Amino acid sequence: MRNIIWLVALIVSFAFAGTAMADGAATFKAKCVACHGPKGEGMKGMAPALKGSEFVTKGKADDVKKTILEGRAGAAKKYKQFPIDMPKSGLSDADAADVVKFLQGDLQK
């Protein structure tokens, strides 16, 4: 019986691990694609690419999440050539963390 409980717990943990990545992808699609493109390739004159971005790939997850949550405007803008400020996402902390996992994981493949 104990082995069955452990097996069920293991299966559930794997299911939730996959769900976080899927949720991050779904949230990215709903909130980020309009400016950053469906594959994170960026949009000319609108927003920079996220795929291949050193900030995303080599940056700290907390820094990427902070940018998602707080946006970037004025002096905080990294890419001044884009006339539009990055708005605050309005996401929860957990949803932003899921997006970061997606950006640093599956999006980069």
N, C-alpha and C. Protein backbone atom coordinates (compact mmCIF):
# COMPACT_ATOMS: atom_id res chain seq x y z
N MET A 1 0.82 -1.20 0.00
CA MET A 1 0.00 0.00 0.00
C MET A 1 0.86 1.26 0.00
N ARG A 2 1.93 1.23 0.79
CA ARG A 2 2.82 2.38 0.86
C ARG A 2 3.44 2.66 -0.50
N ASN A 3 3.81 1.61 -1.23
CA ASN A 3 4.39 1.79 -2.57
C ASN A 3 3.40 2.41 -3.54
N ILE A 4 2.15 2.07 -3.40
CA ILE A 4 1.12 2.64 -4.28
C ILE A 4 0.98 4.13 -4.00
N ILE A 5 1.00 4.50 -2.73
CA ILE A 5 0.89 5.92 -2.37
C ILE A 5 2.08 6.70 -2.94
N TRP A 6 3.27 6.15 -2.82
CA TRP A 6 4.46 6.82 -3.37
C TRP A 6 4.37 6.93 -4.88
N LEU A 7 3.88 5.90 -5.53
CA LEU A 7 3.74 5.92 -6.98
C LEU A 7 2.75 7.01 -7.41
N VAL A 8 1.62 7.08 -6.73
CA VAL A 8 0.63 8.10 -7.04
C VAL A 8 1.22 9.50 -6.81
N ALA A 9 1.92 9.68 -5.71
CA ALA A 9 2.54 10.98 -5.42
C ALA A 9 3.54 11.36 -6.51
N LEU A 10 4.31 10.40 -6.96
CA LEU A 10 5.29 10.65 -8.02
C LEU A 10 4.61 11.04 -9.32
N ILE A 11 3.57 10.33 -9.68
CA ILE A 11 2.84 10.63 -10.92
C ILE A 11 2.22 12.02 -10.85
N VAL A 12 1.62 12.35 -9.71
CA VAL A 12 1.01 13.68 -9.54
C VAL A 12 2.07 14.78 -9.64
N SER A 13 3.24 14.56 -9.04
CA SER A 13 4.29 15.60 -9.10
C SER A 13 4.77 15.81 -10.52
N PHE A 14 4.90 14.73 -11.30
CA PHE A 14 5.28 14.89 -12.70
C PHE A 14 4.20 15.60 -13.49
N ALA A 15 2.96 15.31 -13.19
CA ALA A 15 1.85 15.96 -13.89
C ALA A 15 1.87 17.46 -13.64
N PHE A 16 2.10 17.87 -12.37
CA PHE A 16 2.13 19.30 -12.07
C PHE A 16 3.36 19.97 -12.65
N ALA A 17 4.47 19.27 -12.76
CA ALA A 17 5.68 19.86 -13.36
C ALA A 17 5.40 20.21 -14.81
N GLY A 18 4.74 19.36 -15.54
CA GLY A 18 4.38 19.62 -16.93
C GLY A 18 3.35 20.71 -17.05
N THR A 19 2.43 20.77 -16.10
CA THR A 19 1.38 21.77 -16.11
C THR A 19 1.95 23.17 -15.96
N ALA A 20 2.97 23.34 -15.12
CA ALA A 20 3.57 24.66 -14.93
C ALA A 20 4.13 25.17 -16.24
N MET A 21 4.80 24.31 -16.99
CA MET A 21 5.36 24.73 -18.27
C MET A 21 4.23 25.05 -19.25
N ALA A 22 3.20 24.23 -19.26
CA ALA A 22 2.07 24.47 -20.16
C ALA A 22 1.36 25.76 -19.77
N ASP A 23 1.19 26.00 -18.46
CA ASP A 23 0.54 27.23 -18.02
C ASP A 23 1.37 28.45 -18.39
N GLY A 24 2.68 28.35 -18.28
CA GLY A 24 3.55 29.45 -18.67
C GLY A 24 3.42 29.75 -20.16
N ALA A 25 3.34 28.69 -20.95
CA ALA A 25 3.17 28.86 -22.40
C ALA A 25 1.82 29.50 -22.72
N ALA A 26 0.79 29.05 -22.04
CA ALA A 26 -0.55 29.61 -22.27
C ALA A 26 -0.62 31.07 -21.84
N THR A 27 0.00 31.38 -20.72
CA THR A 27 0.02 32.77 -20.25
C THR A 27 0.82 33.64 -21.21
N PHE A 28 1.96 33.13 -21.67
CA PHE A 28 2.76 33.86 -22.66
C PHE A 28 1.91 34.15 -23.90
N LYS A 29 1.19 33.14 -24.36
CA LYS A 29 0.36 33.30 -25.56
C LYS A 29 -0.73 34.36 -25.33
N ALA A 30 -1.30 34.36 -24.14
CA ALA A 30 -2.39 35.29 -23.85
C ALA A 30 -1.91 36.72 -23.59
N LYS A 31 -0.73 36.87 -22.99
CA LYS A 31 -0.30 38.20 -22.53
C LYS A 31 0.87 38.81 -23.28
N CYS A 32 1.72 37.99 -23.90
CA CYS A 32 3.00 38.50 -24.41
C CYS A 32 3.15 38.46 -25.93
N VAL A 33 2.41 37.58 -26.57
CA VAL A 33 2.57 37.34 -28.01
C VAL A 33 2.31 38.59 -28.84
N ALA A 34 1.36 39.41 -28.44
CA ALA A 34 1.01 40.59 -29.23
C ALA A 34 2.21 41.49 -29.50
N CYS A 35 3.13 41.57 -28.55
CA CYS A 35 4.31 42.42 -28.73
C CYS A 35 5.58 41.63 -29.03
N HIS A 36 5.74 40.48 -28.39
CA HIS A 36 6.99 39.72 -28.51
C HIS A 36 6.94 38.62 -29.55
N GLY A 37 5.80 38.44 -30.21
CA GLY A 37 5.66 37.44 -31.26
C GLY A 37 5.38 36.05 -30.73
N PRO A 38 4.77 35.21 -31.57
CA PRO A 38 4.35 33.87 -31.13
C PRO A 38 5.50 32.94 -30.74
N LYS A 39 6.67 33.20 -31.27
CA LYS A 39 7.83 32.36 -30.94
C LYS A 39 8.88 33.15 -30.16
N GLY A 40 8.47 34.30 -29.63
CA GLY A 40 9.39 35.13 -28.86
C GLY A 40 10.44 35.80 -29.72
N GLU A 41 10.16 35.92 -31.02
CA GLU A 41 11.13 36.49 -31.95
C GLU A 41 11.14 38.00 -31.98
N GLY A 42 10.24 38.62 -31.22
CA GLY A 42 10.15 40.07 -31.19
C GLY A 42 9.32 40.59 -32.35
N MET A 43 8.99 41.86 -32.28
CA MET A 43 8.21 42.50 -33.33
C MET A 43 8.91 43.79 -33.69
N LYS A 44 9.27 43.94 -34.94
CA LYS A 44 9.99 45.12 -35.40
C LYS A 44 9.23 46.40 -35.01
N GLY A 45 9.95 47.29 -34.36
CA GLY A 45 9.38 48.56 -33.94
C GLY A 45 8.46 48.47 -32.73
N MET A 46 8.30 47.26 -32.19
CA MET A 46 7.35 47.07 -31.09
C MET A 46 8.04 46.58 -29.82
N ALA A 47 8.73 45.43 -29.91
CA ALA A 47 9.33 44.82 -28.71
C ALA A 47 10.48 43.91 -29.11
N PRO A 48 11.45 43.77 -28.22
CA PRO A 48 12.63 42.94 -28.55
C PRO A 48 12.32 41.44 -28.52
N ALA A 49 13.21 40.69 -29.14
CA ALA A 49 13.12 39.23 -29.11
C ALA A 49 13.43 38.72 -27.71
N LEU A 50 12.72 37.70 -27.31
CA LEU A 50 12.99 37.03 -26.04
C LEU A 50 13.76 35.73 -26.28
N LYS A 51 13.52 35.12 -27.42
CA LYS A 51 14.25 33.92 -27.78
C LYS A 51 15.69 34.32 -28.11
N GLY A 52 16.62 33.71 -27.41
CA GLY A 52 18.03 34.02 -27.62
C GLY A 52 18.52 35.23 -26.84
N SER A 53 17.64 35.91 -26.15
CA SER A 53 18.02 37.09 -25.37
C SER A 53 18.87 36.67 -24.19
N GLU A 54 20.03 37.30 -24.02
CA GLU A 54 20.89 36.98 -22.89
C GLU A 54 20.23 37.30 -21.56
N PHE A 55 19.42 38.35 -21.53
CA PHE A 55 18.70 38.68 -20.31
C PHE A 55 17.80 37.53 -19.88
N VAL A 56 17.15 36.90 -20.85
CA VAL A 56 16.26 35.78 -20.56
C VAL A 56 17.05 34.50 -20.31
N THR A 57 18.01 34.20 -21.17
CA THR A 57 18.70 32.91 -21.07
C THR A 57 19.74 32.85 -19.96
N LYS A 58 20.42 33.96 -19.71
CA LYS A 58 21.49 33.95 -18.70
C LYS A 58 21.14 34.75 -17.45
N GLY A 59 20.05 35.50 -17.54
CA GLY A 59 19.65 36.33 -16.41
C GLY A 59 19.04 35.53 -15.28
N LYS A 60 18.97 36.16 -14.13
CA LYS A 60 18.35 35.53 -12.97
C LYS A 60 16.83 35.49 -13.18
N ALA A 61 16.23 34.38 -12.83
CA ALA A 61 14.78 34.23 -12.98
C ALA A 61 14.03 35.35 -12.26
N ASP A 62 14.51 35.76 -11.10
CA ASP A 62 13.84 36.82 -10.34
C ASP A 62 13.87 38.16 -11.08
N ASP A 63 14.97 38.43 -11.80
CA ASP A 63 15.07 39.68 -12.56
C ASP A 63 14.11 39.66 -13.75
N VAL A 64 14.02 38.53 -14.41
CA VAL A 64 13.09 38.40 -15.54
C VAL A 64 11.65 38.54 -15.03
N LYS A 65 11.36 37.88 -13.92
CA LYS A 65 10.01 37.94 -13.34
C LYS A 65 9.67 39.37 -12.94
N LYS A 66 10.61 40.08 -12.35
CA LYS A 66 10.38 41.47 -11.94
C LYS A 66 10.03 42.33 -13.16
N THR A 67 10.73 42.11 -14.27
CA THR A 67 10.44 42.86 -15.49
C THR A 67 9.04 42.54 -15.99
N ILE A 68 8.66 41.28 -15.93
CA ILE A 68 7.31 40.88 -16.36
C ILE A 68 6.26 41.56 -15.48
N LEU A 69 6.48 41.53 -14.19
CA LEU A 69 5.50 42.08 -13.26
C LEU A 69 5.43 43.60 -13.29
N GLU A 70 6.59 44.26 -13.34
CA GLU A 70 6.64 45.72 -13.21
C GLU A 70 6.73 46.46 -14.54
N GLY A 71 7.08 45.75 -15.61
CA GLY A 71 7.25 46.40 -16.90
C GLY A 71 8.53 47.23 -16.92
N ARG A 72 8.69 47.98 -17.98
CA ARG A 72 9.85 48.88 -18.10
C ARG A 72 9.41 50.13 -18.83
N ALA A 73 9.72 51.27 -18.25
CA ALA A 73 9.35 52.54 -18.86
C ALA A 73 10.40 53.58 -18.53
N GLY A 74 10.42 54.62 -19.32
CA GLY A 74 11.33 55.74 -19.07
C GLY A 74 12.78 55.32 -18.99
N ALA A 75 13.48 55.79 -17.97
CA ALA A 75 14.91 55.50 -17.80
C ALA A 75 15.18 54.01 -17.58
N ALA A 76 14.18 53.26 -17.13
CA ALA A 76 14.36 51.83 -16.88
C ALA A 76 14.33 50.99 -18.16
N LYS A 77 13.92 51.62 -19.27
CA LYS A 77 13.86 50.87 -20.53
C LYS A 77 15.25 50.46 -20.97
N LYS A 78 15.38 49.21 -21.35
CA LYS A 78 16.66 48.71 -21.84
C LYS A 78 16.82 48.98 -23.33
N TYR A 79 15.75 48.84 -24.07
CA TYR A 79 15.78 49.01 -25.52
C TYR A 79 15.06 50.31 -25.87
N LYS A 80 15.81 51.39 -25.91
CA LYS A 80 15.22 52.70 -26.13
C LYS A 80 14.73 52.88 -27.58
N GLN A 81 15.18 52.01 -28.49
CA GLN A 81 14.74 52.14 -29.88
C GLN A 81 13.28 51.73 -30.08
N PHE A 82 12.70 51.05 -29.08
CA PHE A 82 11.29 50.68 -29.17
C PHE A 82 10.48 51.78 -28.49
N PRO A 83 9.60 52.43 -29.24
CA PRO A 83 8.89 53.59 -28.69
C PRO A 83 7.87 53.26 -27.61
N ILE A 84 7.43 52.02 -27.55
CA ILE A 84 6.39 51.64 -26.59
C ILE A 84 7.02 51.11 -25.31
N ASP A 85 6.54 51.58 -24.17
CA ASP A 85 6.99 51.05 -22.89
C ASP A 85 6.43 49.65 -22.70
N MET A 86 7.16 48.82 -21.96
CA MET A 86 6.61 47.52 -21.59
C MET A 86 5.70 47.76 -20.39
N PRO A 87 4.42 47.44 -20.53
CA PRO A 87 3.49 47.67 -19.42
C PRO A 87 3.63 46.61 -18.33
N LYS A 88 3.13 46.94 -17.16
CA LYS A 88 3.02 45.94 -16.10
C LYS A 88 2.10 44.84 -16.63
N SER A 89 2.44 43.60 -16.32
CA SER A 89 1.66 42.49 -16.88
C SER A 89 0.32 42.27 -16.20
N GLY A 90 0.22 42.62 -14.93
CA GLY A 90 -1.00 42.32 -14.20
C GLY A 90 -1.10 40.87 -13.78
N LEU A 91 -0.03 40.10 -13.98
CA LEU A 91 -0.02 38.69 -13.62
C LEU A 91 0.22 38.51 -12.12
N SER A 92 -0.19 37.38 -11.63
CA SER A 92 0.15 37.03 -10.24
C SER A 92 1.62 36.64 -10.21
N ASP A 93 2.17 36.60 -9.03
CA ASP A 93 3.56 36.18 -8.85
C ASP A 93 3.78 34.77 -9.41
N ALA A 94 2.84 33.88 -9.13
CA ALA A 94 2.95 32.49 -9.59
C ALA A 94 2.87 32.39 -11.12
N ASP A 95 1.95 33.15 -11.73
CA ASP A 95 1.83 33.12 -13.19
C ASP A 95 3.09 33.69 -13.85
N ALA A 96 3.63 34.77 -13.28
CA ALA A 96 4.86 35.35 -13.83
C ALA A 96 6.01 34.34 -13.71
N ALA A 97 6.09 33.62 -12.61
CA ALA A 97 7.13 32.60 -12.44
C ALA A 97 6.97 31.50 -13.48
N ASP A 98 5.73 31.12 -13.78
CA ASP A 98 5.50 30.10 -14.82
C ASP A 98 5.94 30.60 -16.19
N VAL A 99 5.70 31.88 -16.46
CA VAL A 99 6.13 32.45 -17.74
C VAL A 99 7.66 32.44 -17.82
N VAL A 100 8.32 32.78 -16.74
CA VAL A 100 9.80 32.75 -16.72
C VAL A 100 10.30 31.34 -17.01
N LYS A 101 9.71 30.34 -16.40
CA LYS A 101 10.11 28.94 -16.66
C LYS A 101 9.95 28.62 -18.13
N PHE A 102 8.85 29.05 -18.71
CA PHE A 102 8.62 28.83 -20.14
C PHE A 102 9.66 29.57 -20.98
N LEU A 103 9.90 30.85 -20.65
CA LEU A 103 10.84 31.65 -21.43
C LEU A 103 12.25 31.07 -21.37
N GLN A 104 12.67 30.62 -20.19
CA GLN A 104 14.02 30.11 -20.03
C GLN A 104 14.14 28.64 -20.44
N GLY A 105 13.01 27.98 -20.65
CA GLY A 105 13.01 26.57 -21.01
C GLY A 105 12.58 26.33 -22.44
N ASP A 106 11.31 25.99 -22.60
CA ASP A 106 10.78 25.58 -23.91
C ASP A 106 10.93 26.62 -25.01
N LEU A 107 10.78 27.89 -24.69
CA LEU A 107 10.87 28.93 -25.73
C LEU A 107 12.25 28.93 -26.37
N GLN A 108 13.27 28.58 -25.63
CA GLN A 108 14.65 28.65 -26.13
C GLN A 108 15.04 27.45 -26.99
N LYS A 109 14.20 26.45 -27.06
CA LYS A 109 14.52 25.25 -27.84
C LYS A 109 14.33 25.45 -29.31
